[in-house]
Amino acid sequence: MEQMNGLARSGAISCLALLLAGEAAAFPSPAPDIAVPTTESGADILRVSAAEQSFTAYVTGYSYWDNTPPGSAAIARPVIHRRAGGKGTYKDPVTIAVGYRLVGGRARLQFPAGTRFYLPHLRRYAIVEDICGDGPNPEITGCARGSGGRPWLDIYVDGSRVDVDKANACMNRLTGYHEVIVNPGSGYPVTAGAIAESGCNTTKNR
C-alpha cells in the first residue's frame, strides 16, 4: 500500500499472490454471531455473523491504472467476476479488496472471498474478490493493518475509460472513514455503473 500525492492508494495483488498466497480453499468461514471488532494489531481475521450489521471502516479505492499489474483489472480471488468490475447492484456488486495474513504460507483474508457489503456513501454493493496491499510485505502493511483501529476496505473504481488523473481524483474523493453494511439486504438505493466513469459521486463522511 503506498501513499501517493495524498491518496490512500493501493494496487490489488493478483497473479503473484495466487502463487504466493494460496488457493481459495484457505479462506476461513465466518463464525456465527460475532460482531465486527476493531483491529489494532493488524491482519486479524474479522469474523462476522451471517446477519446484516453495520460498522465503520476506512475505505479507499484502487483503479485500473494502479492495480497490480498496472493497467489491468486482474483479481486474486474471483467469485462472480473473472476481472475486477461490477455495476454496484445487489446482483452485480463491485469488486472490493481486503487485507490478509499468512497462515502456513497461505493467505487468510480478513473477510472471506464472497463477503458482500453495501457502501452508503457510494450507493453501491460490493463483494470481496481481491487482496489489497503493495510493497515487500503486503500482509502486514496497508489494508492488513487497518486504519485508526478500523478495518480497511479497498474498492475497485475502474477508471479504464478515463485518464489517470480523473481516476486518482475519484479515489481521493471516496477515501475516508465511512459506515459500511456487511451481509446487506437487497433493497438499498444504488447508483449503478463503474465508479470513476459515472461521476464518482459520494455522500459526506460520517
N, C-alpha and C. Protein backbone atom coordinates (compact mmCIF):
# COMPACT_ATOMS: atom_id res chain seq x y z
N MET A 1 0.85 -1.19 0.00
CA MET A 1 0.00 0.00 0.00
C MET A 1 0.89 1.23 0.00
N GLU A 2 0.67 2.13 -0.90
CA GLU A 2 1.50 3.31 -1.00
C GLU A 2 0.67 4.56 -0.78
N GLN A 3 1.29 5.61 -0.23
CA GLN A 3 0.68 6.92 -0.16
C GLN A 3 1.29 7.76 -1.28
N MET A 4 0.48 8.20 -2.25
CA MET A 4 0.99 8.93 -3.39
C MET A 4 0.12 10.13 -3.63
N ASN A 5 0.75 11.34 -3.60
CA ASN A 5 0.03 12.59 -3.84
C ASN A 5 -1.19 12.71 -2.94
N GLY A 6 -1.03 12.28 -1.69
CA GLY A 6 -2.11 12.43 -0.73
C GLY A 6 -3.20 11.39 -0.83
N LEU A 7 -3.10 10.50 -1.79
CA LEU A 7 -4.12 9.48 -1.95
C LEU A 7 -3.77 8.28 -1.10
N ALA A 8 -4.78 7.72 -0.46
CA ALA A 8 -4.58 6.43 0.18
C ALA A 8 -4.83 5.38 -0.89
N ARG A 9 -3.79 5.07 -1.65
CA ARG A 9 -3.97 4.25 -2.83
C ARG A 9 -3.38 2.87 -2.62
N SER A 10 -3.89 1.92 -3.37
CA SER A 10 -3.34 0.58 -3.32
C SER A 10 -3.44 -0.07 -4.67
N GLY A 11 -2.54 -0.99 -4.92
CA GLY A 11 -2.73 -1.90 -6.02
C GLY A 11 -3.17 -3.22 -5.44
N ALA A 12 -4.08 -3.88 -6.07
CA ALA A 12 -4.55 -5.16 -5.55
C ALA A 12 -3.63 -6.25 -6.06
N ILE A 13 -3.18 -7.10 -5.17
CA ILE A 13 -2.30 -8.18 -5.55
C ILE A 13 -3.08 -9.18 -6.38
N SER A 14 -2.51 -9.62 -7.49
CA SER A 14 -3.27 -10.52 -8.34
C SER A 14 -2.48 -11.77 -8.67
N CYS A 15 -1.88 -11.80 -9.84
CA CYS A 15 -1.28 -13.05 -10.32
C CYS A 15 -0.24 -13.60 -9.35
N LEU A 16 0.69 -12.74 -8.87
CA LEU A 16 1.73 -13.22 -7.99
C LEU A 16 1.14 -13.75 -6.70
N ALA A 17 0.11 -13.08 -6.21
CA ALA A 17 -0.49 -13.52 -4.95
C ALA A 17 -1.12 -14.90 -5.08
N LEU A 18 -1.62 -15.21 -6.26
CA LEU A 18 -2.21 -16.54 -6.44
C LEU A 18 -1.17 -17.62 -6.21
N LEU A 19 0.07 -17.34 -6.56
CA LEU A 19 1.13 -18.31 -6.38
C LEU A 19 1.65 -18.31 -4.95
N LEU A 20 1.81 -17.11 -4.37
CA LEU A 20 2.44 -16.99 -3.07
C LEU A 20 1.47 -17.19 -1.93
N ALA A 21 0.21 -16.82 -2.13
CA ALA A 21 -0.71 -16.75 -1.01
C ALA A 21 -1.69 -17.90 -0.93
N GLY A 22 -1.67 -18.83 -1.86
CA GLY A 22 -2.51 -19.99 -1.74
C GLY A 22 -3.84 -19.87 -2.45
N GLU A 23 -4.60 -20.93 -2.39
CA GLU A 23 -5.85 -21.01 -3.13
C GLU A 23 -7.02 -20.61 -2.27
N ALA A 24 -8.18 -20.48 -2.91
CA ALA A 24 -9.38 -20.02 -2.21
C ALA A 24 -9.80 -20.97 -1.11
N ALA A 25 -9.38 -22.21 -1.17
CA ALA A 25 -9.75 -23.17 -0.14
C ALA A 25 -9.20 -22.79 1.22
N ALA A 26 -8.22 -21.88 1.26
CA ALA A 26 -7.64 -21.47 2.53
C ALA A 26 -8.48 -20.44 3.26
N PHE A 27 -9.54 -19.94 2.63
CA PHE A 27 -10.33 -18.89 3.27
C PHE A 27 -11.05 -19.43 4.50
N PRO A 28 -11.06 -18.65 5.59
CA PRO A 28 -11.84 -19.06 6.75
C PRO A 28 -13.31 -18.80 6.51
N SER A 29 -14.16 -19.55 7.19
CA SER A 29 -15.60 -19.30 7.13
C SER A 29 -15.99 -18.36 8.26
N PRO A 30 -16.99 -17.48 8.04
CA PRO A 30 -17.40 -16.60 9.12
C PRO A 30 -17.97 -17.40 10.28
N ALA A 31 -17.61 -17.00 11.48
CA ALA A 31 -18.20 -17.62 12.66
C ALA A 31 -19.52 -16.95 12.97
N PRO A 32 -20.48 -17.66 13.54
CA PRO A 32 -21.78 -17.06 13.79
C PRO A 32 -21.77 -16.08 14.95
N ASP A 33 -22.60 -15.04 14.82
CA ASP A 33 -22.94 -14.16 15.94
C ASP A 33 -21.74 -13.51 16.61
N ILE A 34 -20.73 -13.12 15.84
CA ILE A 34 -19.60 -12.39 16.40
C ILE A 34 -19.55 -11.03 15.73
N ALA A 35 -19.61 -9.98 16.53
CA ALA A 35 -19.62 -8.63 15.98
C ALA A 35 -18.28 -8.30 15.36
N VAL A 36 -18.29 -7.40 14.38
CA VAL A 36 -17.05 -6.97 13.75
C VAL A 36 -16.20 -6.21 14.77
N PRO A 37 -15.00 -6.67 15.08
CA PRO A 37 -14.16 -5.97 16.05
C PRO A 37 -13.35 -4.88 15.38
N THR A 38 -12.80 -4.00 16.20
CA THR A 38 -11.78 -3.10 15.66
C THR A 38 -10.48 -3.88 15.58
N THR A 39 -9.55 -3.37 14.80
CA THR A 39 -8.28 -4.07 14.65
C THR A 39 -7.13 -3.12 14.94
N GLU A 40 -6.36 -3.45 15.94
CA GLU A 40 -5.21 -2.63 16.32
C GLU A 40 -3.91 -3.27 15.89
N SER A 41 -3.83 -4.59 15.98
CA SER A 41 -2.57 -5.28 15.69
C SER A 41 -2.36 -5.53 14.22
N GLY A 42 -3.43 -5.47 13.44
CA GLY A 42 -3.32 -5.69 12.01
C GLY A 42 -3.46 -7.15 11.64
N ALA A 43 -4.00 -7.38 10.45
CA ALA A 43 -4.11 -8.71 9.87
C ALA A 43 -4.95 -9.67 10.69
N ASP A 44 -5.85 -9.16 11.55
CA ASP A 44 -6.76 -10.04 12.27
C ASP A 44 -7.81 -10.56 11.30
N ILE A 45 -8.25 -11.79 11.54
CA ILE A 45 -9.38 -12.32 10.79
C ILE A 45 -10.64 -11.76 11.44
N LEU A 46 -11.41 -10.98 10.69
CA LEU A 46 -12.57 -10.32 11.24
C LEU A 46 -13.79 -11.19 11.02
N ARG A 47 -14.34 -11.72 12.07
CA ARG A 47 -15.45 -12.65 11.96
C ARG A 47 -16.77 -11.90 12.16
N VAL A 48 -17.70 -12.21 11.32
CA VAL A 48 -19.00 -11.54 11.39
C VAL A 48 -20.10 -12.58 11.36
N SER A 49 -21.26 -12.21 11.88
CA SER A 49 -22.39 -13.11 11.81
C SER A 49 -22.95 -13.11 10.40
N ALA A 50 -23.85 -14.03 10.14
CA ALA A 50 -24.48 -14.08 8.82
C ALA A 50 -25.55 -13.02 8.69
N ALA A 51 -25.90 -12.37 9.78
CA ALA A 51 -26.93 -11.33 9.75
C ALA A 51 -26.35 -10.00 9.28
N GLU A 52 -27.21 -9.16 8.74
CA GLU A 52 -26.79 -7.81 8.34
C GLU A 52 -26.35 -7.03 9.57
N GLN A 53 -25.24 -6.32 9.46
CA GLN A 53 -24.78 -5.44 10.52
C GLN A 53 -23.93 -4.33 9.92
N SER A 54 -23.82 -3.21 10.61
CA SER A 54 -23.05 -2.09 10.10
C SER A 54 -21.89 -1.79 11.04
N PHE A 55 -20.84 -1.21 10.48
CA PHE A 55 -19.68 -0.79 11.25
C PHE A 55 -18.96 0.28 10.46
N THR A 56 -18.01 0.94 11.09
CA THR A 56 -17.22 1.97 10.41
C THR A 56 -15.93 1.34 9.88
N ALA A 57 -15.62 1.61 8.63
CA ALA A 57 -14.40 1.11 8.00
C ALA A 57 -13.65 2.27 7.35
N TYR A 58 -12.37 2.08 7.16
CA TYR A 58 -11.58 3.02 6.36
C TYR A 58 -11.67 2.53 4.92
N VAL A 59 -12.23 3.35 4.06
CA VAL A 59 -12.49 2.96 2.68
C VAL A 59 -11.57 3.74 1.74
N THR A 60 -10.89 3.03 0.87
CA THR A 60 -10.08 3.63 -0.19
C THR A 60 -10.50 3.01 -1.52
N GLY A 61 -9.86 3.45 -2.60
CA GLY A 61 -10.14 2.89 -3.90
C GLY A 61 -8.86 2.53 -4.63
N TYR A 62 -8.98 1.58 -5.53
CA TYR A 62 -7.90 1.29 -6.47
C TYR A 62 -8.49 1.24 -7.87
N SER A 63 -7.66 1.54 -8.84
CA SER A 63 -8.15 1.69 -10.21
C SER A 63 -7.46 0.74 -11.16
N TYR A 64 -7.95 0.74 -12.38
CA TYR A 64 -7.32 0.01 -13.47
C TYR A 64 -5.86 0.42 -13.62
N TRP A 65 -5.56 1.68 -13.34
CA TRP A 65 -4.22 2.21 -13.59
C TRP A 65 -3.22 1.88 -12.49
N ASP A 66 -3.69 1.69 -11.25
CA ASP A 66 -2.73 1.39 -10.18
C ASP A 66 -2.96 0.01 -9.58
N ASN A 67 -3.67 -0.83 -10.30
CA ASN A 67 -3.81 -2.22 -9.90
C ASN A 67 -2.44 -2.90 -10.01
N THR A 68 -2.35 -4.14 -9.55
CA THR A 68 -1.16 -4.94 -9.74
C THR A 68 -1.51 -6.13 -10.62
N PRO A 69 -1.02 -6.22 -11.85
CA PRO A 69 -0.12 -5.27 -12.50
C PRO A 69 -0.86 -4.03 -12.98
N PRO A 70 -0.15 -2.88 -13.12
CA PRO A 70 -0.79 -1.65 -13.58
C PRO A 70 -1.41 -1.82 -14.97
N GLY A 71 -2.50 -1.10 -15.20
CA GLY A 71 -3.18 -1.19 -16.48
C GLY A 71 -3.88 -2.51 -16.68
N SER A 72 -4.46 -3.03 -15.60
CA SER A 72 -5.18 -4.30 -15.69
C SER A 72 -6.32 -4.31 -14.69
N ALA A 73 -7.22 -5.27 -14.87
CA ALA A 73 -8.31 -5.49 -13.91
C ALA A 73 -8.18 -6.88 -13.29
N ALA A 74 -6.93 -7.37 -13.19
CA ALA A 74 -6.69 -8.69 -12.61
C ALA A 74 -7.11 -8.73 -11.15
N ILE A 75 -7.65 -9.85 -10.71
CA ILE A 75 -8.01 -10.04 -9.32
C ILE A 75 -7.50 -11.38 -8.82
N ALA A 76 -7.34 -11.49 -7.50
CA ALA A 76 -6.73 -12.69 -6.92
C ALA A 76 -7.73 -13.73 -6.46
N ARG A 77 -8.97 -13.32 -6.18
CA ARG A 77 -9.96 -14.24 -5.63
C ARG A 77 -11.30 -14.11 -6.35
N PRO A 78 -11.37 -14.48 -7.63
CA PRO A 78 -12.62 -14.35 -8.37
C PRO A 78 -13.77 -15.10 -7.70
N VAL A 79 -14.93 -14.47 -7.69
CA VAL A 79 -16.13 -15.11 -7.18
C VAL A 79 -17.23 -15.06 -8.24
N ILE A 80 -17.68 -13.85 -8.59
CA ILE A 80 -18.67 -13.71 -9.66
C ILE A 80 -18.10 -13.00 -10.87
N HIS A 81 -16.92 -12.43 -10.75
CA HIS A 81 -16.24 -11.78 -11.87
C HIS A 81 -14.91 -12.46 -12.13
N ARG A 82 -14.53 -12.54 -13.38
CA ARG A 82 -13.19 -13.03 -13.72
C ARG A 82 -12.15 -11.91 -13.63
N ARG A 83 -12.62 -10.68 -13.79
CA ARG A 83 -11.78 -9.49 -13.66
C ARG A 83 -12.51 -8.51 -12.77
N ALA A 84 -11.76 -7.58 -12.16
CA ALA A 84 -12.38 -6.58 -11.30
C ALA A 84 -13.45 -5.83 -12.07
N GLY A 85 -14.58 -5.58 -11.43
CA GLY A 85 -15.67 -4.90 -12.11
C GLY A 85 -16.92 -4.90 -11.27
N GLY A 86 -18.05 -4.81 -11.94
CA GLY A 86 -19.34 -4.80 -11.27
C GLY A 86 -20.02 -3.46 -11.38
N LYS A 87 -21.35 -3.49 -11.45
CA LYS A 87 -22.14 -2.26 -11.57
C LYS A 87 -22.50 -1.65 -10.22
N GLY A 88 -22.37 -2.44 -9.16
CA GLY A 88 -22.72 -1.94 -7.84
C GLY A 88 -24.11 -2.31 -7.39
N THR A 89 -24.83 -3.08 -8.20
CA THR A 89 -26.15 -3.56 -7.81
C THR A 89 -26.00 -4.78 -6.90
N TYR A 90 -27.10 -5.20 -6.30
CA TYR A 90 -27.04 -6.38 -5.44
C TYR A 90 -26.61 -7.61 -6.25
N LYS A 91 -27.14 -7.74 -7.46
CA LYS A 91 -26.82 -8.90 -8.29
C LYS A 91 -25.44 -8.80 -8.95
N ASP A 92 -24.94 -7.59 -9.12
CA ASP A 92 -23.64 -7.39 -9.76
C ASP A 92 -22.81 -6.40 -8.94
N PRO A 93 -22.38 -6.81 -7.74
CA PRO A 93 -21.64 -5.91 -6.86
C PRO A 93 -20.23 -5.63 -7.40
N VAL A 94 -19.66 -4.52 -6.95
CA VAL A 94 -18.32 -4.11 -7.37
C VAL A 94 -17.27 -4.91 -6.60
N THR A 95 -16.21 -5.28 -7.27
CA THR A 95 -15.08 -5.95 -6.63
C THR A 95 -14.49 -5.08 -5.52
N ILE A 96 -14.23 -5.69 -4.38
CA ILE A 96 -13.56 -4.99 -3.28
C ILE A 96 -12.41 -5.87 -2.79
N ALA A 97 -11.34 -5.23 -2.36
CA ALA A 97 -10.16 -5.94 -1.87
C ALA A 97 -10.02 -5.73 -0.37
N VAL A 98 -9.51 -6.74 0.32
CA VAL A 98 -9.33 -6.68 1.76
C VAL A 98 -7.92 -7.16 2.12
N GLY A 99 -7.51 -6.87 3.34
CA GLY A 99 -6.21 -7.33 3.82
C GLY A 99 -6.24 -8.81 4.18
N TYR A 100 -5.08 -9.32 4.49
CA TYR A 100 -4.96 -10.74 4.82
C TYR A 100 -3.76 -10.96 5.71
N ARG A 101 -3.67 -12.15 6.26
CA ARG A 101 -2.44 -12.57 6.92
C ARG A 101 -2.06 -13.94 6.41
N LEU A 102 -0.78 -14.27 6.50
CA LEU A 102 -0.31 -15.56 6.03
C LEU A 102 -0.39 -16.59 7.15
N VAL A 103 -0.99 -17.71 6.85
CA VAL A 103 -1.09 -18.82 7.79
C VAL A 103 -0.59 -20.06 7.06
N GLY A 104 0.55 -20.56 7.48
CA GLY A 104 1.12 -21.71 6.78
C GLY A 104 1.44 -21.43 5.33
N GLY A 105 1.82 -20.19 5.03
CA GLY A 105 2.16 -19.81 3.66
C GLY A 105 0.98 -19.50 2.78
N ARG A 106 -0.23 -19.56 3.34
CA ARG A 106 -1.43 -19.26 2.57
C ARG A 106 -2.10 -18.01 3.11
N ALA A 107 -2.82 -17.33 2.23
CA ALA A 107 -3.50 -16.09 2.62
C ALA A 107 -4.83 -16.39 3.27
N ARG A 108 -5.04 -15.85 4.45
CA ARG A 108 -6.35 -15.86 5.08
C ARG A 108 -6.88 -14.44 5.08
N LEU A 109 -7.92 -14.23 4.32
CA LEU A 109 -8.46 -12.89 4.16
C LEU A 109 -9.19 -12.46 5.42
N GLN A 110 -9.14 -11.15 5.70
CA GLN A 110 -9.83 -10.63 6.87
C GLN A 110 -11.35 -10.82 6.77
N PHE A 111 -11.87 -10.73 5.56
CA PHE A 111 -13.24 -11.10 5.27
C PHE A 111 -13.18 -12.11 4.14
N PRO A 112 -13.84 -13.26 4.26
CA PRO A 112 -13.71 -14.29 3.23
C PRO A 112 -14.16 -13.82 1.85
N ALA A 113 -13.55 -14.37 0.82
CA ALA A 113 -13.99 -14.10 -0.55
C ALA A 113 -15.48 -14.40 -0.66
N GLY A 114 -16.20 -13.52 -1.34
CA GLY A 114 -17.64 -13.67 -1.48
C GLY A 114 -18.44 -12.88 -0.47
N THR A 115 -17.79 -12.34 0.57
CA THR A 115 -18.49 -11.49 1.54
C THR A 115 -19.02 -10.26 0.82
N ARG A 116 -20.28 -9.91 1.08
CA ARG A 116 -20.89 -8.75 0.43
C ARG A 116 -21.01 -7.58 1.41
N PHE A 117 -20.85 -6.39 0.84
CA PHE A 117 -21.01 -5.16 1.60
C PHE A 117 -21.95 -4.22 0.83
N TYR A 118 -22.52 -3.29 1.57
CA TYR A 118 -23.16 -2.13 0.95
C TYR A 118 -22.47 -0.90 1.50
N LEU A 119 -22.06 0.01 0.60
CA LEU A 119 -21.37 1.24 0.98
C LEU A 119 -22.30 2.42 0.75
N PRO A 120 -22.95 2.92 1.81
CA PRO A 120 -23.92 4.00 1.63
C PRO A 120 -23.35 5.25 0.97
N HIS A 121 -22.08 5.58 1.27
CA HIS A 121 -21.53 6.82 0.70
C HIS A 121 -21.29 6.72 -0.80
N LEU A 122 -21.28 5.50 -1.32
CA LEU A 122 -21.15 5.29 -2.77
C LEU A 122 -22.43 4.76 -3.39
N ARG A 123 -23.38 4.38 -2.55
CA ARG A 123 -24.64 3.81 -3.01
C ARG A 123 -24.38 2.60 -3.91
N ARG A 124 -23.49 1.74 -3.45
CA ARG A 124 -23.14 0.55 -4.22
C ARG A 124 -22.93 -0.66 -3.31
N TYR A 125 -23.28 -1.80 -3.86
CA TYR A 125 -22.94 -3.08 -3.25
C TYR A 125 -21.54 -3.48 -3.73
N ALA A 126 -20.85 -4.23 -2.88
CA ALA A 126 -19.51 -4.70 -3.23
C ALA A 126 -19.33 -6.13 -2.75
N ILE A 127 -18.38 -6.82 -3.35
CA ILE A 127 -18.10 -8.22 -2.99
C ILE A 127 -16.60 -8.43 -2.91
N VAL A 128 -16.15 -9.16 -1.89
CA VAL A 128 -14.73 -9.43 -1.73
C VAL A 128 -14.27 -10.40 -2.81
N GLU A 129 -13.36 -9.91 -3.67
CA GLU A 129 -12.81 -10.74 -4.74
C GLU A 129 -11.31 -10.48 -4.94
N ASP A 130 -10.70 -9.72 -4.03
CA ASP A 130 -9.31 -9.36 -4.26
C ASP A 130 -8.60 -9.13 -2.93
N ILE A 131 -7.29 -9.12 -3.01
CA ILE A 131 -6.40 -8.88 -1.87
C ILE A 131 -5.74 -7.52 -2.09
N CYS A 132 -5.68 -6.71 -1.06
CA CYS A 132 -5.05 -5.40 -1.25
C CYS A 132 -3.74 -5.31 -0.49
N GLY A 133 -2.89 -4.47 -1.00
CA GLY A 133 -1.58 -4.28 -0.41
C GLY A 133 -0.56 -4.04 -1.49
N ASP A 134 0.61 -3.60 -1.07
CA ASP A 134 1.69 -3.37 -2.02
C ASP A 134 2.99 -3.40 -1.25
N GLY A 135 4.10 -3.42 -1.97
CA GLY A 135 5.39 -3.45 -1.31
C GLY A 135 5.81 -4.87 -0.96
N PRO A 136 6.94 -5.01 -0.23
CA PRO A 136 7.50 -6.34 0.02
C PRO A 136 6.74 -7.18 1.03
N ASN A 137 5.97 -6.57 1.93
CA ASN A 137 5.25 -7.32 2.95
C ASN A 137 3.81 -6.85 3.04
N PRO A 138 3.03 -7.05 1.99
CA PRO A 138 1.66 -6.53 1.98
C PRO A 138 0.76 -7.15 3.03
N GLU A 139 1.14 -8.34 3.54
CA GLU A 139 0.28 -8.99 4.52
C GLU A 139 0.37 -8.34 5.90
N ILE A 140 1.32 -7.41 6.11
CA ILE A 140 1.43 -6.75 7.41
C ILE A 140 1.40 -5.23 7.28
N THR A 141 1.08 -4.72 6.10
CA THR A 141 1.02 -3.28 5.90
C THR A 141 -0.30 -2.90 5.26
N GLY A 142 -0.55 -1.62 5.14
CA GLY A 142 -1.72 -1.13 4.42
C GLY A 142 -3.01 -1.72 4.93
N CYS A 143 -3.78 -2.30 4.02
CA CYS A 143 -5.09 -2.84 4.37
C CYS A 143 -5.03 -3.82 5.53
N ALA A 144 -3.99 -4.61 5.60
CA ALA A 144 -3.88 -5.61 6.66
C ALA A 144 -3.81 -4.96 8.03
N ARG A 145 -3.24 -3.77 8.12
CA ARG A 145 -3.11 -3.08 9.41
C ARG A 145 -4.40 -2.43 9.84
N GLY A 146 -5.31 -2.18 8.88
CA GLY A 146 -6.45 -1.35 9.20
C GLY A 146 -6.00 0.10 9.32
N SER A 147 -6.90 0.95 9.77
CA SER A 147 -6.57 2.37 9.95
C SER A 147 -7.42 2.92 11.08
N GLY A 148 -6.77 3.56 12.03
CA GLY A 148 -7.49 4.12 13.16
C GLY A 148 -8.26 3.08 13.94
N GLY A 149 -7.75 1.85 13.97
CA GLY A 149 -8.43 0.78 14.67
C GLY A 149 -9.62 0.22 13.94
N ARG A 150 -9.77 0.58 12.68
CA ARG A 150 -10.91 0.12 11.88
C ARG A 150 -10.45 -0.75 10.72
N PRO A 151 -11.28 -1.69 10.27
CA PRO A 151 -10.93 -2.46 9.08
C PRO A 151 -10.77 -1.55 7.87
N TRP A 152 -9.94 -1.97 6.94
CA TRP A 152 -9.63 -1.20 5.73
C TRP A 152 -10.18 -1.96 4.53
N LEU A 153 -11.05 -1.31 3.76
CA LEU A 153 -11.63 -1.89 2.55
C LEU A 153 -11.20 -1.06 1.35
N ASP A 154 -10.85 -1.72 0.26
CA ASP A 154 -10.32 -1.04 -0.93
C ASP A 154 -11.18 -1.42 -2.13
N ILE A 155 -12.00 -0.50 -2.62
CA ILE A 155 -12.97 -0.80 -3.67
C ILE A 155 -12.42 -0.44 -5.04
N TYR A 156 -12.78 -1.24 -6.03
CA TYR A 156 -12.32 -1.01 -7.40
C TYR A 156 -13.15 0.09 -8.04
N VAL A 157 -12.50 1.18 -8.43
CA VAL A 157 -13.22 2.30 -9.06
C VAL A 157 -13.23 2.19 -10.57
N ASP A 158 -12.52 1.25 -11.12
CA ASP A 158 -12.33 1.07 -12.57
C ASP A 158 -11.44 2.20 -13.11
N GLY A 159 -11.96 3.10 -13.92
CA GLY A 159 -11.13 4.16 -14.48
C GLY A 159 -10.48 3.82 -15.80
N SER A 160 -10.75 2.62 -16.33
CA SER A 160 -10.12 2.20 -17.59
C SER A 160 -10.55 3.06 -18.77
N ARG A 161 -11.69 3.74 -18.65
CA ARG A 161 -12.18 4.58 -19.74
C ARG A 161 -12.05 6.07 -19.43
N VAL A 162 -11.29 6.40 -18.41
CA VAL A 162 -10.95 7.80 -18.11
C VAL A 162 -9.45 7.88 -17.91
N ASP A 163 -8.93 9.10 -17.84
CA ASP A 163 -7.48 9.21 -17.68
C ASP A 163 -7.06 8.98 -16.23
N VAL A 164 -5.76 8.84 -16.03
CA VAL A 164 -5.22 8.52 -14.72
C VAL A 164 -5.58 9.59 -13.70
N ASP A 165 -5.49 10.87 -14.08
CA ASP A 165 -5.78 11.95 -13.14
C ASP A 165 -7.22 11.89 -12.64
N LYS A 166 -8.15 11.58 -13.53
CA LYS A 166 -9.55 11.50 -13.12
C LYS A 166 -9.77 10.31 -12.20
N ALA A 167 -9.13 9.20 -12.49
CA ALA A 167 -9.25 8.03 -11.61
C ALA A 167 -8.65 8.34 -10.24
N ASN A 168 -7.51 9.00 -10.21
CA ASN A 168 -6.88 9.37 -8.94
C ASN A 168 -7.76 10.32 -8.13
N ALA A 169 -8.37 11.30 -8.81
CA ALA A 169 -9.25 12.25 -8.12
C ALA A 169 -10.44 11.53 -7.51
N CYS A 170 -10.95 10.53 -8.19
CA CYS A 170 -12.07 9.75 -7.67
C CYS A 170 -11.64 9.00 -6.42
N MET A 171 -10.50 8.36 -6.46
CA MET A 171 -10.02 7.62 -5.30
C MET A 171 -9.83 8.53 -4.10
N ASN A 172 -9.32 9.72 -4.35
CA ASN A 172 -9.13 10.69 -3.27
C ASN A 172 -10.47 11.10 -2.67
N ARG A 173 -11.47 11.29 -3.52
CA ARG A 173 -12.77 11.76 -3.08
C ARG A 173 -13.48 10.75 -2.17
N LEU A 174 -13.36 9.48 -2.48
CA LEU A 174 -14.10 8.50 -1.71
C LEU A 174 -13.37 8.02 -0.46
N THR A 175 -12.08 8.36 -0.32
CA THR A 175 -11.28 7.89 0.80
C THR A 175 -11.74 8.51 2.12
N GLY A 176 -11.88 7.70 3.14
CA GLY A 176 -12.23 8.19 4.47
C GLY A 176 -12.88 7.12 5.31
N TYR A 177 -13.27 7.50 6.51
CA TYR A 177 -13.98 6.59 7.41
C TYR A 177 -15.47 6.67 7.10
N HIS A 178 -16.04 5.54 6.77
CA HIS A 178 -17.44 5.50 6.34
C HIS A 178 -18.16 4.32 6.97
N GLU A 179 -19.44 4.48 7.14
CA GLU A 179 -20.27 3.36 7.54
C GLU A 179 -20.37 2.38 6.38
N VAL A 180 -20.23 1.10 6.66
CA VAL A 180 -20.47 0.06 5.67
C VAL A 180 -21.39 -0.98 6.30
N ILE A 181 -22.08 -1.70 5.47
CA ILE A 181 -23.01 -2.74 5.93
C ILE A 181 -22.55 -4.06 5.35
N VAL A 182 -22.31 -5.03 6.21
CA VAL A 182 -21.89 -6.35 5.77
C VAL A 182 -23.11 -7.26 5.77
N ASN A 183 -23.15 -8.18 4.82
CA ASN A 183 -24.30 -9.07 4.61
C ASN A 183 -25.59 -8.26 4.42
N PRO A 184 -25.56 -7.28 3.51
CA PRO A 184 -26.71 -6.39 3.39
C PRO A 184 -27.89 -7.05 2.68
N GLY A 185 -29.08 -6.54 2.96
CA GLY A 185 -30.24 -6.94 2.19
C GLY A 185 -30.19 -6.33 0.80
N SER A 186 -31.15 -6.67 -0.02
CA SER A 186 -31.10 -6.28 -1.43
C SER A 186 -31.81 -4.97 -1.74
N GLY A 187 -32.36 -4.29 -0.73
CA GLY A 187 -33.23 -3.16 -1.01
C GLY A 187 -32.63 -1.78 -0.90
N TYR A 188 -31.32 -1.66 -0.78
CA TYR A 188 -30.70 -0.34 -0.62
C TYR A 188 -30.62 0.41 -1.96
N PRO A 189 -30.66 1.75 -1.92
CA PRO A 189 -30.58 2.51 -3.17
C PRO A 189 -29.22 2.36 -3.83
N VAL A 190 -29.22 2.33 -5.15
CA VAL A 190 -28.00 2.07 -5.91
C VAL A 190 -27.82 3.12 -7.00
N THR A 191 -26.58 3.59 -7.14
CA THR A 191 -26.16 4.34 -8.33
C THR A 191 -25.28 3.39 -9.13
N ALA A 192 -25.82 2.81 -10.18
CA ALA A 192 -25.13 1.74 -10.90
C ALA A 192 -24.09 2.29 -11.87
N GLY A 193 -23.04 1.53 -12.05
CA GLY A 193 -22.01 1.87 -13.03
C GLY A 193 -20.63 1.90 -12.42
N ALA A 194 -19.62 1.85 -13.28
CA ALA A 194 -18.24 1.96 -12.82
C ALA A 194 -18.07 3.27 -12.06
N ILE A 195 -17.41 3.22 -10.92
CA ILE A 195 -17.39 4.38 -10.02
C ILE A 195 -16.73 5.59 -10.66
N ALA A 196 -15.52 5.44 -11.20
CA ALA A 196 -14.81 6.58 -11.78
C ALA A 196 -15.53 7.11 -13.01
N GLU A 197 -16.06 6.21 -13.82
CA GLU A 197 -16.68 6.61 -15.08
C GLU A 197 -18.06 7.25 -14.90
N SER A 198 -18.69 7.00 -13.77
CA SER A 198 -20.06 7.51 -13.58
C SER A 198 -20.14 8.70 -12.64
N GLY A 199 -19.03 9.43 -12.51
CA GLY A 199 -19.05 10.67 -11.76
C GLY A 199 -18.47 10.61 -10.37
N CYS A 200 -18.26 9.40 -9.84
CA CYS A 200 -17.65 9.24 -8.52
C CYS A 200 -18.38 10.07 -7.46
N ASN A 201 -19.69 10.04 -7.48
CA ASN A 201 -20.46 10.82 -6.53
C ASN A 201 -20.46 10.12 -5.17
N THR A 202 -20.26 10.91 -4.12
CA THR A 202 -20.23 10.38 -2.77
C THR A 202 -21.07 11.26 -1.86
N THR A 203 -21.51 10.68 -0.75
CA THR A 203 -22.12 11.46 0.30
C THR A 203 -21.04 11.84 1.30
N LYS A 204 -21.40 12.62 2.31
CA LYS A 204 -20.41 13.09 3.28
C LYS A 204 -19.90 11.93 4.13
N ASN A 205 -18.63 12.08 4.58
CA ASN A 205 -18.08 11.13 5.54
C ASN A 205 -18.87 11.23 6.84
N ARG A 206 -18.87 10.12 7.55
CA ARG A 206 -19.51 10.16 8.87
C ARG A 206 -18.64 10.93 9.83
